[in-house]
């Protein structure tokens, strides 16, 4: 990595991008400084420096011509960037997503509002489930045109992607010894069947975990990085039912609250929770978080031994 590229992408982020897109992402990273310079000139931006990254993009803090702070987000997957911008604009009226000011579909770039403060994951405090339920409900309740609905992928495609991703993570890490292939397969089959359902179908965020929700202060919680698709609204609550939960009664309580606020069936939401539990168990195992109450609870859910109701 050359010194110019290193301004925006450290070695850890490069490894993340390579795991997601393959080693050829290095060519894109080499071109990245030039792309940033071009966009800064065209959109009259002042570059301030890198911001926290995800698995699929490079994020840079910038200033707009009026001095307002903003985020320049670039992805080697152009279709992913364009889709994200479309979905953020679709949900704009909710006030629960960043505003999008510019999109360059040819270069996979989005210029969007800077939302201050940390993500919920970075803060480490579990919000009240009523608060989370309100966030999800407001996203789901936005009126969407028929054309916008046609642009969304089915939830089944997202389920397929997630289980393929975590299946690879399991096979390549310590989780292979701790999370059974059978649990992963059963979880996938359960999620696939749920995704093919026709109840409570809405545009869902598709990746609404605590790392993708920012504490917007007086504005409330703000969702970022959507992988939107069309499907069962209950799926967006899964990570919140499980994050930092250490006992099954706690999971059941969270599902009860979330399902009530969202107006969806609690038993079906619990089935979604059980379906994705092995994926979260893989993440825990590969990070060395085994032997904890949280990990043990995820395994119990994954292997079908949990007393649900």
C-alpha atoms as a PDB file:
ATOM      1  CA  UNK A   1       0.000   0.000   0.000  1.00  0.00           C
ATOM      2  CA  UNK A   2       1.475   3.356  -0.968  1.00  0.00           C
ATOM      3  CA  UNK A   3       1.704   6.298   1.435  1.00  0.00           C
ATOM      4  CA  UNK A   4      -1.119   8.233  -0.247  1.00  0.00           C
ATOM      5  CA  UNK A   5      -3.583   5.344  -0.016  1.00  0.00           C
ATOM      6  CA  UNK A   6      -2.562   4.770   3.600  1.00  0.00           C
ATOM      7  CA  UNK A   7      -4.058   8.179   4.447  1.00  0.00           C
ATOM      8  CA  UNK A   8      -7.482   6.599   4.024  1.00  0.00           C
ATOM      9  CA  UNK A   9      -7.022   2.840   4.539  1.00  0.00           C
ATOM     10  CA  UNK A  10      -4.966   1.072   7.175  1.00  0.00           C
ATOM     11  CA  UNK A  11      -3.832  -2.550   7.001  1.00  0.00           C
ATOM     12  CA  UNK A  12      -6.787  -3.768   9.057  1.00  0.00           C
ATOM     13  CA  UNK A  13      -9.291  -2.164   6.694  1.00  0.00           C
ATOM     14  CA  UNK A  14      -7.446  -3.508   3.670  1.00  0.00           C
ATOM     15  CA  UNK A  15      -7.749  -7.048   5.079  1.00  0.00           C
ATOM     16  CA  UNK A  16     -11.474  -6.514   5.663  1.00  0.00           C
ATOM     17  CA  UNK A  17     -11.985  -5.394   2.080  1.00  0.00           C
ATOM     18  CA  UNK A  18      -9.923  -8.291   0.730  1.00  0.00           C
ATOM     19  CA  UNK A  19     -11.981 -10.798   2.728  1.00  0.00           C
ATOM     20  CA  UNK A  20     -15.168  -9.281   1.319  1.00  0.00           C
ATOM     21  CA  UNK A  21     -14.146  -8.609  -2.298  1.00  0.00           C
ATOM     22  CA  UNK A  22     -10.990 -10.637  -2.928  1.00  0.00           C
ATOM     23  CA  UNK A  23      -7.362  -9.682  -3.455  1.00  0.00           C
ATOM     24  CA  UNK A  24      -8.140  -7.713  -6.636  1.00  0.00           C
ATOM     25  CA  UNK A  25      -9.462  -4.927  -4.402  1.00  0.00           C
ATOM     26  CA  UNK A  26      -5.821  -3.813  -4.231  1.00  0.00           C
ATOM     27  CA  UNK A  27      -6.149  -2.301  -7.717  1.00  0.00           C
ATOM     28  CA  UNK A  28      -9.112  -0.217  -6.559  1.00  0.00           C
ATOM     29  CA  UNK A  29      -7.220   0.926  -3.464  1.00  0.00           C
ATOM     30  CA  UNK A  30      -4.323   2.077  -5.651  1.00  0.00           C
ATOM     31  CA  UNK A  31      -6.741   4.228  -7.646  1.00  0.00           C
ATOM     32  CA  UNK A  32      -8.601   5.483  -4.567  1.00  0.00           C
ATOM     33  CA  UNK A  33      -6.546   8.658  -3.854  1.00  0.00           C
ATOM     34  CA  UNK A  34      -7.127   9.841  -7.416  1.00  0.00           C
ATOM     35  CA  UNK A  35     -10.859   9.153  -7.159  1.00  0.00           C
ATOM     36  CA  UNK A  36     -11.035  11.081  -3.882  1.00  0.00           C
ATOM     37  CA  UNK A  37      -9.201  14.056  -5.435  1.00  0.00           C
ATOM     38  CA  UNK A  38     -11.570  14.092  -8.417  1.00  0.00           C
ATOM     39  CA  UNK A  39     -14.690  13.975  -6.258  1.00  0.00           C
ATOM     40  CA  UNK A  40     -13.334  16.611  -3.892  1.00  0.00           C
ATOM     41  CA  UNK A  41     -12.804  18.934  -6.849  1.00  0.00           C
ATOM     42  CA  UNK A  42     -16.201  18.246  -8.452  1.00  0.00           C
ATOM     43  CA  UNK A  43     -18.188  18.479  -5.211  1.00  0.00           C
ATOM     44  CA  UNK A  44     -15.983  21.244  -3.731  1.00  0.00           C
ATOM     45  CA  UNK A  45     -15.072  19.243  -0.660  1.00  0.00           C
ATOM     46  CA  UNK A  46     -12.331  19.740   1.888  1.00  0.00           C
ATOM     47  CA  UNK A  47     -10.821  16.404   2.933  1.00  0.00           C
ATOM     48  CA  UNK A  48     -10.331  16.040   6.695  1.00  0.00           C
ATOM     49  CA  UNK A  49      -9.284  12.409   7.104  1.00  0.00           C
ATOM     50  CA  UNK A  50     -10.501   8.836   7.500  1.00  0.00           C
ATOM     51  CA  UNK A  51     -13.588   7.819   9.481  1.00  0.00           C
ATOM     52  CA  UNK A  52     -14.458   4.370  10.879  1.00  0.00           C
ATOM     53  CA  UNK A  53     -14.867   1.800   8.102  1.00  0.00           C
ATOM     54  CA  UNK A  54     -17.023  -1.238   7.544  1.00  0.00           C
ATOM     55  CA  UNK A  55     -16.513  -4.405   5.543  1.00  0.00           C
ATOM     56  CA  UNK A  56     -17.570  -2.939   2.215  1.00  0.00           C
ATOM     57  CA  UNK A  57     -16.389   0.654   1.991  1.00  0.00           C
ATOM     58  CA  UNK A  58     -13.871   3.361   2.766  1.00  0.00           C
ATOM     59  CA  UNK A  59     -15.301   6.336   4.651  1.00  0.00           C
ATOM     60  CA  UNK A  60     -13.714   9.790   4.708  1.00  0.00           C
ATOM     61  CA  UNK A  61     -14.641  12.858   6.747  1.00  0.00           C
ATOM     62  CA  UNK A  62     -15.046  15.966   4.600  1.00  0.00           C
ATOM     63  CA  UNK A  63     -16.439  19.495   4.673  1.00  0.00           C
ATOM     64  CA  UNK A  64     -18.949  20.812   2.161  1.00  0.00           C
ATOM     65  CA  UNK A  65     -18.507  24.298   0.631  1.00  0.00           C
ATOM     66  CA  UNK A  66     -20.721  25.811   3.346  1.00  0.00           C
ATOM     67  CA  UNK A  67     -18.477  24.310   6.040  1.00  0.00           C
ATOM     68  CA  UNK A  68     -20.922  21.618   7.064  1.00  0.00           C
ATOM     69  CA  UNK A  69     -19.278  18.333   7.993  1.00  0.00           C
ATOM     70  CA  UNK A  70     -20.135  15.380   5.756  1.00  0.00           C
ATOM     71  CA  UNK A  71     -19.122  11.817   4.928  1.00  0.00           C
ATOM     72  CA  UNK A  72     -17.672  10.664   1.627  1.00  0.00           C
ATOM     73  CA  UNK A  73     -18.224   6.934   1.307  1.00  0.00           C
ATOM     74  CA  UNK A  74     -16.648   4.862  -1.463  1.00  0.00           C
ATOM     75  CA  UNK A  75     -17.036   1.178  -2.301  1.00  0.00           C
ATOM     76  CA  UNK A  76     -15.314  -1.059  -4.855  1.00  0.00           C
ATOM     77  CA  UNK A  77     -18.783  -2.561  -5.447  1.00  0.00           C
ATOM     78  CA  UNK A  78     -20.504   0.166  -7.463  1.00  0.00           C
ATOM     79  CA  UNK A  79     -23.889  -1.561  -7.403  1.00  0.00           C
ATOM     80  CA  UNK A  80     -23.752  -1.772  -3.619  1.00  0.00           C
ATOM     81  CA  UNK A  81     -23.066   1.953  -3.303  1.00  0.00           C
ATOM     82  CA  UNK A  82     -25.862   2.920  -5.688  1.00  0.00           C
ATOM     83  CA  UNK A  83     -28.326   0.634  -3.933  1.00  0.00           C
ATOM     84  CA  UNK A  84     -27.394   2.065  -0.537  1.00  0.00           C
ATOM     85  CA  UNK A  85     -27.942   5.617  -1.745  1.00  0.00           C
ATOM     86  CA  UNK A  86     -31.335   4.711  -3.206  1.00  0.00           C
ATOM     87  CA  UNK A  87     -32.476   3.116   0.031  1.00  0.00           C
ATOM     88  CA  UNK A  88     -31.274   5.990   2.206  1.00  0.00           C
ATOM     89  CA  UNK A  89     -33.219   8.395   0.019  1.00  0.00           C
ATOM     90  CA  UNK A  90     -36.255   6.106   0.185  1.00  0.00           C
ATOM     91  CA  UNK A  91     -36.210   6.356   3.990  1.00  0.00           C
ATOM     92  CA  UNK A  92     -35.308  10.056   4.091  1.00  0.00           C
ATOM     93  CA  UNK A  93     -38.682  11.214   5.420  1.00  0.00           C
ATOM     94  CA  UNK A  94     -38.312   9.051   8.541  1.00  0.00           C
ATOM     95  CA  UNK A  95     -35.426  11.205   9.799  1.00  0.00           C
ATOM     96  CA  UNK A  96     -33.809   7.939  10.908  1.00  0.00           C
ATOM     97  CA  UNK A  97     -31.124   7.750   8.209  1.00  0.00           C
ATOM     98  CA  UNK A  98     -28.433  10.198   7.025  1.00  0.00           C
ATOM     99  CA  UNK A  99     -29.368  12.610   4.255  1.00  0.00           C
ATOM    100  CA  UNK A 100     -27.769  11.892   0.889  1.00  0.00           C
ATOM    101  CA  UNK A 101     -26.477  14.921  -1.028  1.00  0.00           C
ATOM    102  CA  UNK A 102     -24.572  13.457  -3.955  1.00  0.00           C
ATOM    103  CA  UNK A 103     -24.158  10.071  -5.650  1.00  0.00           C
ATOM    104  CA  UNK A 104     -21.606   9.095  -8.294  1.00  0.00           C
ATOM    105  CA  UNK A 105     -22.736   5.753  -9.637  1.00  0.00           C
ATOM    106  CA  UNK A 106     -19.742   5.384 -11.953  1.00  0.00           C
ATOM    107  CA  UNK A 107     -17.257   5.629  -9.075  1.00  0.00           C
ATOM    108  CA  UNK A 108     -19.291   4.018  -6.284  1.00  0.00           C
ATOM    109  CA  UNK A 109     -19.328   7.197  -4.190  1.00  0.00           C
ATOM    110  CA  UNK A 110     -21.905   8.736  -1.853  1.00  0.00           C
ATOM    111  CA  UNK A 111     -21.745  12.119  -0.141  1.00  0.00           C
ATOM    112  CA  UNK A 112     -23.967  12.054   2.920  1.00  0.00           C
ATOM    113  CA  UNK A 113     -24.751  13.746   6.179  1.00  0.00           C
ATOM    114  CA  UNK A 114     -22.356  13.374   9.085  1.00  0.00           C
ATOM    115  CA  UNK A 115     -24.185  12.044  12.131  1.00  0.00           C
ATOM    116  CA  UNK A 116     -22.128  12.713  15.246  1.00  0.00           C
ATOM    117  CA  UNK A 117     -21.502  10.451  18.229  1.00  0.00           C
ATOM    118  CA  UNK A 118     -20.646   6.762  18.420  1.00  0.00           C
ATOM    119  CA  UNK A 119     -22.486   3.727  17.196  1.00  0.00           C
ATOM    120  CA  UNK A 120     -24.512   1.845  19.772  1.00  0.00           C
ATOM    121  CA  UNK A 121     -21.939  -0.968  19.568  1.00  0.00           C
ATOM    122  CA  UNK A 122     -19.091   1.414  20.416  1.00  0.00           C
ATOM    123  CA  UNK A 123     -21.073   2.834  23.332  1.00  0.00           C
ATOM    124  CA  UNK A 124     -21.607  -0.679  24.659  1.00  0.00           C
ATOM    125  CA  UNK A 125     -24.975   0.053  26.312  1.00  0.00           C
ATOM    126  CA  UNK A 126     -28.091  -1.864  25.287  1.00  0.00           C
ATOM    127  CA  UNK A 127     -30.881   0.654  24.579  1.00  0.00           C
ATOM    128  CA  UNK A 128     -34.422  -0.022  25.789  1.00  0.00           C
ATOM    129  CA  UNK A 129     -36.141  -2.401  23.414  1.00  0.00           C
ATOM    130  CA  UNK A 130     -38.990   0.108  23.084  1.00  0.00           C
ATOM    131  CA  UNK A 131     -36.472   2.582  21.650  1.00  0.00           C
ATOM    132  CA  UNK A 132     -35.110   0.037  19.191  1.00  0.00           C
ATOM    133  CA  UNK A 133     -38.597  -1.043  18.213  1.00  0.00           C
ATOM    134  CA  UNK A 134     -39.543   2.572  17.489  1.00  0.00           C
ATOM    135  CA  UNK A 135     -36.490   2.995  15.218  1.00  0.00           C
ATOM    136  CA  UNK A 136     -37.350  -0.134  13.238  1.00  0.00           C
ATOM    137  CA  UNK A 137     -41.040   0.713  13.039  1.00  0.00           C
ATOM    138  CA  UNK A 138     -40.360   4.191  11.687  1.00  0.00           C
ATOM    139  CA  UNK A 139     -38.179   2.780   8.918  1.00  0.00           C
ATOM    140  CA  UNK A 140     -40.762   0.148   8.021  1.00  0.00           C
ATOM    141  CA  UNK A 141     -43.651   2.646   8.067  1.00  0.00           C
ATOM    142  CA  UNK A 142     -42.257   4.962   5.370  1.00  0.00           C
ATOM    143  CA  UNK A 143     -44.507   5.025   2.315  1.00  0.00           C
ATOM    144  CA  UNK A 144     -42.680   3.449  -0.605  1.00  0.00           C
ATOM    145  CA  UNK A 145     -43.676   3.602  -4.268  1.00  0.00           C
ATOM    146  CA  UNK A 146     -44.337   0.485  -6.303  1.00  0.00           C
ATOM    147  CA  UNK A 147     -41.263   1.261  -8.410  1.00  0.00           C
ATOM    148  CA  UNK A 148     -39.077   1.470  -5.295  1.00  0.00           C
ATOM    149  CA  UNK A 149     -40.415  -1.875  -4.121  1.00  0.00           C
ATOM    150  CA  UNK A 150     -39.550  -3.421  -7.484  1.00  0.00           C
ATOM    151  CA  UNK A 151     -35.946  -2.285  -7.030  1.00  0.00           C
ATOM    152  CA  UNK A 152     -35.513  -4.211  -3.759  1.00  0.00           C
ATOM    153  CA  UNK A 153     -34.079  -7.712  -3.686  1.00  0.00           C
ATOM    154  CA  UNK A 154     -36.050 -10.449  -1.932  1.00  0.00           C
ATOM    155  CA  UNK A 155     -35.073 -11.228   1.647  1.00  0.00           C
ATOM    156  CA  UNK A 156     -34.239 -14.772   0.572  1.00  0.00           C
ATOM    157  CA  UNK A 157     -31.217 -13.477  -1.373  1.00  0.00           C
ATOM    158  CA  UNK A 158     -29.933 -11.674   1.727  1.00  0.00           C
ATOM    159  CA  UNK A 159     -30.377 -14.836   3.812  1.00  0.00           C
ATOM    160  CA  UNK A 160     -28.405 -16.824   1.241  1.00  0.00           C
ATOM    161  CA  UNK A 161     -25.573 -14.278   1.303  1.00  0.00           C
ATOM    162  CA  UNK A 162     -25.387 -14.090   5.111  1.00  0.00           C
ATOM    163  CA  UNK A 163     -25.181 -17.838   5.616  1.00  0.00           C
ATOM    164  CA  UNK A 164     -22.617 -18.256   2.839  1.00  0.00           C
ATOM    165  CA  UNK A 165     -20.503 -15.514   4.449  1.00  0.00           C
ATOM    166  CA  UNK A 166     -20.662 -16.954   7.964  1.00  0.00           C
ATOM    167  CA  UNK A 167     -20.230 -20.464   6.627  1.00  0.00           C
ATOM    168  CA  UNK A 168     -16.864 -19.384   5.200  1.00  0.00           C
ATOM    169  CA  UNK A 169     -15.984 -17.567   8.437  1.00  0.00           C
ATOM    170  CA  UNK A 170     -16.772 -20.742  10.381  1.00  0.00           C
ATOM    171  CA  UNK A 171     -14.720 -22.993   8.098  1.00  0.00           C
ATOM    172  CA  UNK A 172     -11.679 -20.704   8.165  1.00  0.00           C
ATOM    173  CA  UNK A 173     -11.536 -19.973  11.890  1.00  0.00           C
ATOM    174  CA  UNK A 174     -11.700 -21.481  15.398  1.00  0.00           C
ATOM    175  CA  UNK A 175     -15.495 -21.634  15.136  1.00  0.00           C
ATOM    176  CA  UNK A 176     -15.180 -24.820  13.068  1.00  0.00           C
ATOM    177  CA  UNK A 177     -14.465 -26.677  16.312  1.00  0.00           C
ATOM    178  CA  UNK A 178     -17.224 -25.014  18.322  1.00  0.00           C
ATOM    179  CA  UNK A 179     -20.224 -24.365  16.070  1.00  0.00           C
ATOM    180  CA  UNK A 180     -21.452 -27.458  14.260  1.00  0.00           C
ATOM    181  CA  UNK A 181     -22.072 -27.587  10.523  1.00  0.00           C
ATOM    182  CA  UNK A 182     -25.445 -29.079  11.384  1.00  0.00           C
ATOM    183  CA  UNK A 183     -26.408 -26.010  13.432  1.00  0.00           C
ATOM    184  CA  UNK A 184     -25.455 -23.743  10.522  1.00  0.00           C
ATOM    185  CA  UNK A 185     -27.449 -25.842   8.063  1.00  0.00           C
ATOM    186  CA  UNK A 186     -30.504 -25.977  10.301  1.00  0.00           C
ATOM    187  CA  UNK A 187     -30.298 -22.228  10.848  1.00  0.00           C
ATOM    188  CA  UNK A 188     -30.104 -21.609   7.113  1.00  0.00           C
ATOM    189  CA  UNK A 189     -33.083 -23.865   6.396  1.00  0.00           C
ATOM    190  CA  UNK A 190     -35.123 -22.137   9.090  1.00  0.00           C
ATOM    191  CA  UNK A 191     -34.192 -18.653   7.805  1.00  0.00           C
ATOM    192  CA  UNK A 192     -34.830 -19.636   4.178  1.00  0.00           C
ATOM    193  CA  UNK A 193     -38.329 -20.872   5.008  1.00  0.00           C
ATOM    194  CA  UNK A 194     -39.093 -17.708   6.969  1.00  0.00           C
ATOM    195  CA  UNK A 195     -37.753 -15.498   4.182  1.00  0.00           C
ATOM    196  CA  UNK A 196     -40.123 -17.123   1.703  1.00  0.00           C
ATOM    197  CA  UNK A 197     -43.119 -16.173   3.837  1.00  0.00           C
ATOM    198  CA  UNK A 198     -45.640 -13.526   2.826  1.00  0.00           C
ATOM    199  CA  UNK A 199     -46.560 -12.084   6.249  1.00  0.00           C
ATOM    200  CA  UNK A 200     -45.615  -8.536   7.342  1.00  0.00           C
ATOM    201  CA  UNK A 201     -43.617  -7.916   4.160  1.00  0.00           C
ATOM    202  CA  UNK A 202     -41.959  -4.474   4.182  1.00  0.00           C
ATOM    203  CA  UNK A 203     -38.676  -2.903   3.039  1.00  0.00           C
ATOM    204  CA  UNK A 204     -36.240  -4.096   5.723  1.00  0.00           C
ATOM    205  CA  UNK A 205     -32.796  -2.712   6.542  1.00  0.00           C
ATOM    206  CA  UNK A 206     -31.197  -6.142   6.268  1.00  0.00           C
ATOM    207  CA  UNK A 207     -28.129  -5.445   8.437  1.00  0.00           C
ATOM    208  CA  UNK A 208     -29.471  -3.579  11.451  1.00  0.00           C
ATOM    209  CA  UNK A 209     -26.926  -4.571  14.088  1.00  0.00           C
ATOM    210  CA  UNK A 210     -25.597  -2.236  16.844  1.00  0.00           C
ATOM    211  CA  UNK A 211     -22.589  -1.295  14.730  1.00  0.00           C
ATOM    212  CA  UNK A 212     -24.921   0.135  12.093  1.00  0.00           C
ATOM    213  CA  UNK A 213     -26.949   2.332  14.434  1.00  0.00           C
ATOM    214  CA  UNK A 214     -25.588   5.700  15.587  1.00  0.00           C
ATOM    215  CA  UNK A 215     -26.630   7.556  18.706  1.00  0.00           C
ATOM    216  CA  UNK A 216     -27.840  10.791  17.142  1.00  0.00           C
ATOM    217  CA  UNK A 217     -28.325  12.559  20.479  1.00  0.00           C
ATOM    218  CA  UNK A 218     -31.501  14.638  20.554  1.00  0.00           C
ATOM    219  CA  UNK A 219     -32.318  13.335  17.082  1.00  0.00           C
ATOM    220  CA  UNK A 220     -32.530   9.765  18.362  1.00  0.00           C
ATOM    221  CA  UNK A 221     -31.026   6.631  16.850  1.00  0.00           C
ATOM    222  CA  UNK A 222     -29.943   6.777  13.206  1.00  0.00           C
ATOM    223  CA  UNK A 223     -29.522   3.711  10.993  1.00  0.00           C
ATOM    224  CA  UNK A 224     -26.662   3.494   8.476  1.00  0.00           C
ATOM    225  CA  UNK A 225     -25.276   0.986   5.947  1.00  0.00           C
ATOM    226  CA  UNK A 226     -28.573  -0.599   4.836  1.00  0.00           C
ATOM    227  CA  UNK A 227     -28.625  -3.780   2.789  1.00  0.00           C
ATOM    228  CA  UNK A 228     -32.282  -3.279   2.114  1.00  0.00           C
ATOM    229  CA  UNK A 229     -34.519  -5.986   0.748  1.00  0.00           C
ATOM    230  CA  UNK A 230     -38.197  -6.850   0.753  1.00  0.00           C
ATOM    231  CA  UNK A 231     -39.372  -9.297   3.385  1.00  0.00           C
ATOM    232  CA  UNK A 232     -40.564 -10.085   6.885  1.00  0.00           C
ATOM    233  CA  UNK A 233     -40.179  -7.015   9.098  1.00  0.00           C
ATOM    234  CA  UNK A 234     -39.383  -9.174  12.124  1.00  0.00           C
ATOM    235  CA  UNK A 235     -35.909  -9.924  10.746  1.00  0.00           C
ATOM    236  CA  UNK A 236     -34.593  -6.431  11.554  1.00  0.00           C
ATOM    237  CA  UNK A 237     -35.001  -7.116  15.290  1.00  0.00           C
ATOM    238  CA  UNK A 238     -32.784 -10.223  15.471  1.00  0.00           C
ATOM    239  CA  UNK A 239     -29.475  -8.628  16.470  1.00  0.00           C
ATOM    240  CA  UNK A 240     -31.183  -6.566  19.164  1.00  0.00           C
ATOM    241  CA  UNK A 241     -32.793  -9.597  20.754  1.00  0.00           C
ATOM    242  CA  UNK A 242     -29.369 -11.227  21.052  1.00  0.00           C
ATOM    243  CA  UNK A 243     -26.781  -8.453  21.542  1.00  0.00           C
ATOM    244  CA  UNK A 244     -25.256  -8.798  25.015  1.00  0.00           C
ATOM    245  CA  UNK A 245     -28.026 -11.190  26.089  1.00  0.00           C
ATOM    246  CA  UNK A 246     -26.690 -13.840  28.467  1.00  0.00           C
ATOM    247  CA  UNK A 247     -29.848 -15.795  29.320  1.00  0.00           C
ATOM    248  CA  UNK A 248     -32.774 -17.209  27.413  1.00  0.00           C
ATOM    249  CA  UNK A 249     -35.336 -15.360  29.573  1.00  0.00           C
ATOM    250  CA  UNK A 250     -33.638 -12.089  28.555  1.00  0.00           C
ATOM    251  CA  UNK A 251     -33.963 -13.025  24.870  1.00  0.00           C
ATOM    252  CA  UNK A 252     -37.615 -13.955  25.345  1.00  0.00           C
ATOM    253  CA  UNK A 253     -38.286 -10.646  27.108  1.00  0.00           C
ATOM    254  CA  UNK A 254     -36.661  -8.642  24.320  1.00  0.00           C
ATOM    255  CA  UNK A 255     -38.585 -10.533  21.648  1.00  0.00           C
ATOM    256  CA  UNK A 256     -41.832  -9.903  23.515  1.00  0.00           C
ATOM    257  CA  UNK A 257     -41.190  -6.145  23.630  1.00  0.00           C
ATOM    258  CA  UNK A 258     -39.865  -5.831  20.086  1.00  0.00           C
ATOM    259  CA  UNK A 259     -42.648  -7.898  18.537  1.00  0.00           C
ATOM    260  CA  UNK A 260     -45.276  -5.869  20.391  1.00  0.00           C
ATOM    261  CA  UNK A 261     -43.825  -2.518  19.277  1.00  0.00           C
ATOM    262  CA  UNK A 262     -43.456  -3.712  15.681  1.00  0.00           C
ATOM    263  CA  UNK A 263     -46.845  -5.411  15.625  1.00  0.00           C
ATOM    264  CA  UNK A 264     -45.455  -8.747  14.409  1.00  0.00           C
ATOM    265  CA  UNK A 265     -45.849 -12.276  15.701  1.00  0.00           C
ATOM    266  CA  UNK A 266     -43.478 -12.963  18.601  1.00  0.00           C
ATOM    267  CA  UNK A 267     -43.159 -16.678  17.902  1.00  0.00           C
ATOM    268  CA  UNK A 268     -42.099 -15.939  14.338  1.00  0.00           C
ATOM    269  CA  UNK A 269     -39.567 -13.375  15.532  1.00  0.00           C
ATOM    270  CA  UNK A 270     -38.138 -15.982  17.898  1.00  0.00           C
ATOM    271  CA  UNK A 271     -37.763 -18.360  14.962  1.00  0.00           C
ATOM    272  CA  UNK A 272     -35.701 -15.697  13.187  1.00  0.00           C
ATOM    273  CA  UNK A 273     -33.585 -15.337  16.330  1.00  0.00           C
ATOM    274  CA  UNK A 274     -32.948 -19.071  16.483  1.00  0.00           C
ATOM    275  CA  UNK A 275     -32.145 -19.150  12.760  1.00  0.00           C
ATOM    276  CA  UNK A 276     -29.388 -16.526  12.975  1.00  0.00           C
ATOM    277  CA  UNK A 277     -28.018 -17.562  16.381  1.00  0.00           C
ATOM    278  CA  UNK A 278     -25.353 -19.865  14.859  1.00  0.00           C
ATOM    279  CA  UNK A 279     -24.009 -16.985  12.738  1.00  0.00           C
ATOM    280  CA  UNK A 280     -23.549 -14.862  15.857  1.00  0.00           C
ATOM    281  CA  UNK A 281     -21.984 -17.847  17.614  1.00  0.00           C
ATOM    282  CA  UNK A 282     -19.424 -18.103  14.790  1.00  0.00           C
ATOM    283  CA  UNK A 283     -18.561 -14.433  15.220  1.00  0.00           C
ATOM    284  CA  UNK A 284     -18.077 -14.916  18.965  1.00  0.00           C
ATOM    285  CA  UNK A 285     -15.947 -18.019  18.534  1.00  0.00           C
ATOM    286  CA  UNK A 286     -13.657 -16.469  15.932  1.00  0.00           C
ATOM    287  CA  UNK A 287     -13.068 -13.492  18.224  1.00  0.00           C
ATOM    288  CA  UNK A 288     -12.153 -15.764  21.131  1.00  0.00           C
ATOM    289  CA  UNK A 289     -15.335 -15.055  23.114  1.00  0.00           C
ATOM    290  CA  UNK A 290     -16.095 -18.649  24.040  1.00  0.00           C
ATOM    291  CA  UNK A 291     -16.833 -19.986  27.493  1.00  0.00           C
ATOM    292  CA  UNK A 292     -19.122 -17.031  28.227  1.00  0.00           C
ATOM    293  CA  UNK A 293     -22.795 -17.048  29.125  1.00  0.00           C
ATOM    294  CA  UNK A 294     -23.557 -15.204  25.915  1.00  0.00           C
ATOM    295  CA  UNK A 295     -21.767 -17.750  23.737  1.00  0.00           C
ATOM    296  CA  UNK A 296     -23.323 -20.699  25.565  1.00  0.00           C
ATOM    297  CA  UNK A 297     -26.772 -19.196  25.135  1.00  0.00           C
ATOM    298  CA  UNK A 298     -26.197 -18.758  21.387  1.00  0.00           C
ATOM    299  CA  UNK A 299     -25.153 -22.391  21.075  1.00  0.00           C
ATOM    300  CA  UNK A 300     -28.225 -23.499  23.002  1.00  0.00           C
ATOM    301  CA  UNK A 301     -30.448 -21.525  20.659  1.00  0.00           C
ATOM    302  CA  UNK A 302     -28.542 -22.799  17.620  1.00  0.00           C
ATOM    303  CA  UNK A 303     -28.856 -26.453  18.527  1.00  0.00           C
ATOM    304  CA  UNK A 304     -32.554 -26.297  19.276  1.00  0.00           C
ATOM    305  CA  UNK A 305     -32.273 -27.029  22.989  1.00  0.00           C
ATOM    306  CA  UNK A 306     -33.621 -23.685  24.154  1.00  0.00           C
ATOM    307  CA  UNK A 307     -36.923 -23.443  25.916  1.00  0.00           C
ATOM    308  CA  UNK A 308     -38.520 -20.702  23.860  1.00  0.00           C
ATOM    309  CA  UNK A 309     -41.907 -20.126  25.459  1.00  0.00           C
END
